[in-house]
Amino acid sequence: MTWEAVATEALKLEPRERAAVVESLLLSLPEPHENEIGEHLIKAWQKRGEEITEGKVQELPVEQVLTQIRNRLG
């Protein structure tokens, strides 16, 4: 399965479920010192998950998010 297929399916989940997926993926990464992923990044994603769950941020359609990701990856 490609990352795009996974992302498409994950974006169909409810906000709380997506936040749980993000947290699970982040926690599955190597320790920050091994992969240059700092604690601030993990905290930022956790905060974002809370904002989504609480309805403080607007969600985007799957197609728009995937287009933005593709554009960023070149």
C-alpha atoms as a PDB file:
ATOM      1  CA  MET A   1       0.000   0.000   0.000  1.00  0.00           C
ATOM      2  CA  THR A   2       1.337   3.455  -0.868  1.00  0.00           C
ATOM      3  CA  TRP A   3       1.564   6.362   1.552  1.00  0.00           C
ATOM      4  CA  GLU A   4      -1.027   8.146  -0.587  1.00  0.00           C
ATOM      5  CA  ALA A   5      -3.511   5.297  -0.131  1.00  0.00           C
ATOM      6  CA  VAL A   6      -2.859   5.244   3.605  1.00  0.00           C
ATOM      7  CA  ALA A   7      -3.261   9.041   3.806  1.00  0.00           C
ATOM      8  CA  THR A   8      -6.496   8.936   1.826  1.00  0.00           C
ATOM      9  CA  GLU A   9      -7.964   6.317   4.119  1.00  0.00           C
ATOM     10  CA  ALA A  10      -6.688   8.007   7.286  1.00  0.00           C
ATOM     11  CA  LEU A  11      -8.246  11.308   6.252  1.00  0.00           C
ATOM     12  CA  LYS A  12     -11.651   9.617   6.171  1.00  0.00           C
ATOM     13  CA  LEU A  13     -11.428   9.007   9.923  1.00  0.00           C
ATOM     14  CA  GLU A  14     -13.024  11.232  12.529  1.00  0.00           C
ATOM     15  CA  PRO A  15     -10.749  14.005  13.872  1.00  0.00           C
ATOM     16  CA  ARG A  16     -10.112  12.221  17.166  1.00  0.00           C
ATOM     17  CA  GLU A  17      -9.165   9.017  15.331  1.00  0.00           C
ATOM     18  CA  ARG A  18      -6.825  10.909  12.974  1.00  0.00           C
ATOM     19  CA  ALA A  19      -5.147  12.563  15.948  1.00  0.00           C
ATOM     20  CA  ALA A  20      -4.612   9.123  17.488  1.00  0.00           C
ATOM     21  CA  VAL A  21      -3.073   7.858  14.227  1.00  0.00           C
ATOM     22  CA  VAL A  22      -0.719  10.858  14.060  1.00  0.00           C
ATOM     23  CA  GLU A  23       0.356  10.368  17.650  1.00  0.00           C
ATOM     24  CA  SER A  24       0.896   6.662  17.115  1.00  0.00           C
ATOM     25  CA  LEU A  25       3.027   7.278  14.017  1.00  0.00           C
ATOM     26  CA  LEU A  26       5.101   9.950  15.731  1.00  0.00           C
ATOM     27  CA  LEU A  27       5.714   7.752  18.728  1.00  0.00           C
ATOM     28  CA  SER A  28       6.803   4.918  16.425  1.00  0.00           C
ATOM     29  CA  LEU A  29       9.704   7.005  15.089  1.00  0.00           C
ATOM     30  CA  PRO A  30      13.213   6.621  16.477  1.00  0.00           C
ATOM     31  CA  GLU A  31      14.190   8.704  19.466  1.00  0.00           C
ATOM     32  CA  PRO A  32      14.513  12.416  18.585  1.00  0.00           C
ATOM     33  CA  HIS A  33      18.289  12.395  18.902  1.00  0.00           C
ATOM     34  CA  GLU A  34      18.480   9.544  16.376  1.00  0.00           C
ATOM     35  CA  ASN A  35      16.367  11.198  13.700  1.00  0.00           C
ATOM     36  CA  GLU A  36      16.497  14.942  14.418  1.00  0.00           C
ATOM     37  CA  ILE A  37      12.844  14.977  15.443  1.00  0.00           C
ATOM     38  CA  GLY A  38      12.578  17.139  18.512  1.00  0.00           C
ATOM     39  CA  GLU A  39      10.173  16.987  21.381  1.00  0.00           C
ATOM     40  CA  HIS A  40       8.751  20.309  20.146  1.00  0.00           C
ATOM     41  CA  LEU A  41       7.538  18.609  16.951  1.00  0.00           C
ATOM     42  CA  ILE A  42       5.769  15.864  18.857  1.00  0.00           C
ATOM     43  CA  LYS A  43       4.160  18.431  21.162  1.00  0.00           C
ATOM     44  CA  ALA A  44       3.102  20.529  18.165  1.00  0.00           C
ATOM     45  CA  TRP A  45       1.361  17.526  16.573  1.00  0.00           C
ATOM     46  CA  GLN A  46      -0.311  16.613  19.841  1.00  0.00           C
ATOM     47  CA  LYS A  47      -1.554  20.196  20.196  1.00  0.00           C
ATOM     48  CA  ARG A  48      -2.804  20.137  16.604  1.00  0.00           C
ATOM     49  CA  GLY A  49      -4.665  16.912  17.294  1.00  0.00           C
ATOM     50  CA  GLU A  50      -6.330  18.526  20.280  1.00  0.00           C
ATOM     51  CA  GLU A  51      -7.268  21.582  18.187  1.00  0.00           C
ATOM     52  CA  ILE A  52      -8.884  19.328  15.590  1.00  0.00           C
ATOM     53  CA  THR A  53     -10.728  17.340  18.234  1.00  0.00           C
ATOM     54  CA  GLU A  54     -11.996  20.526  19.872  1.00  0.00           C
ATOM     55  CA  GLY A  55     -13.043  22.033  16.520  1.00  0.00           C
ATOM     56  CA  LYS A  56     -10.643  24.977  16.826  1.00  0.00           C
ATOM     57  CA  VAL A  57      -9.233  24.498  13.318  1.00  0.00           C
ATOM     58  CA  GLN A  58     -10.935  23.949   9.995  1.00  0.00           C
ATOM     59  CA  GLU A  59     -10.449  20.599   8.308  1.00  0.00           C
ATOM     60  CA  LEU A  60      -9.552  20.357   4.625  1.00  0.00           C
ATOM     61  CA  PRO A  61     -10.892  17.961   1.970  1.00  0.00           C
ATOM     62  CA  VAL A  62      -8.730  14.897   1.288  1.00  0.00           C
ATOM     63  CA  GLU A  63      -8.057  15.956  -2.294  1.00  0.00           C
ATOM     64  CA  GLN A  64      -6.762  19.367  -1.216  1.00  0.00           C
ATOM     65  CA  VAL A  65      -4.446  17.892   1.412  1.00  0.00           C
ATOM     66  CA  LEU A  66      -3.001  15.321  -1.001  1.00  0.00           C
ATOM     67  CA  THR A  67      -2.449  18.016  -3.636  1.00  0.00           C
ATOM     68  CA  GLN A  68      -0.582  20.137  -1.088  1.00  0.00           C
ATOM     69  CA  ILE A  69       1.570  17.153  -0.060  1.00  0.00           C
ATOM     70  CA  ARG A  70       2.386  16.292  -3.672  1.00  0.00           C
ATOM     71  CA  ASN A  71       3.309  19.902  -4.404  1.00  0.00           C
ATOM     72  CA  ARG A  72       5.618  20.034  -1.387  1.00  0.00           C
ATOM     73  CA  LEU A  73       7.311  16.762  -2.303  1.00  0.00           C
ATOM     74  CA  GLY A  74       7.805  17.901  -5.857  1.00  0.00           C
END
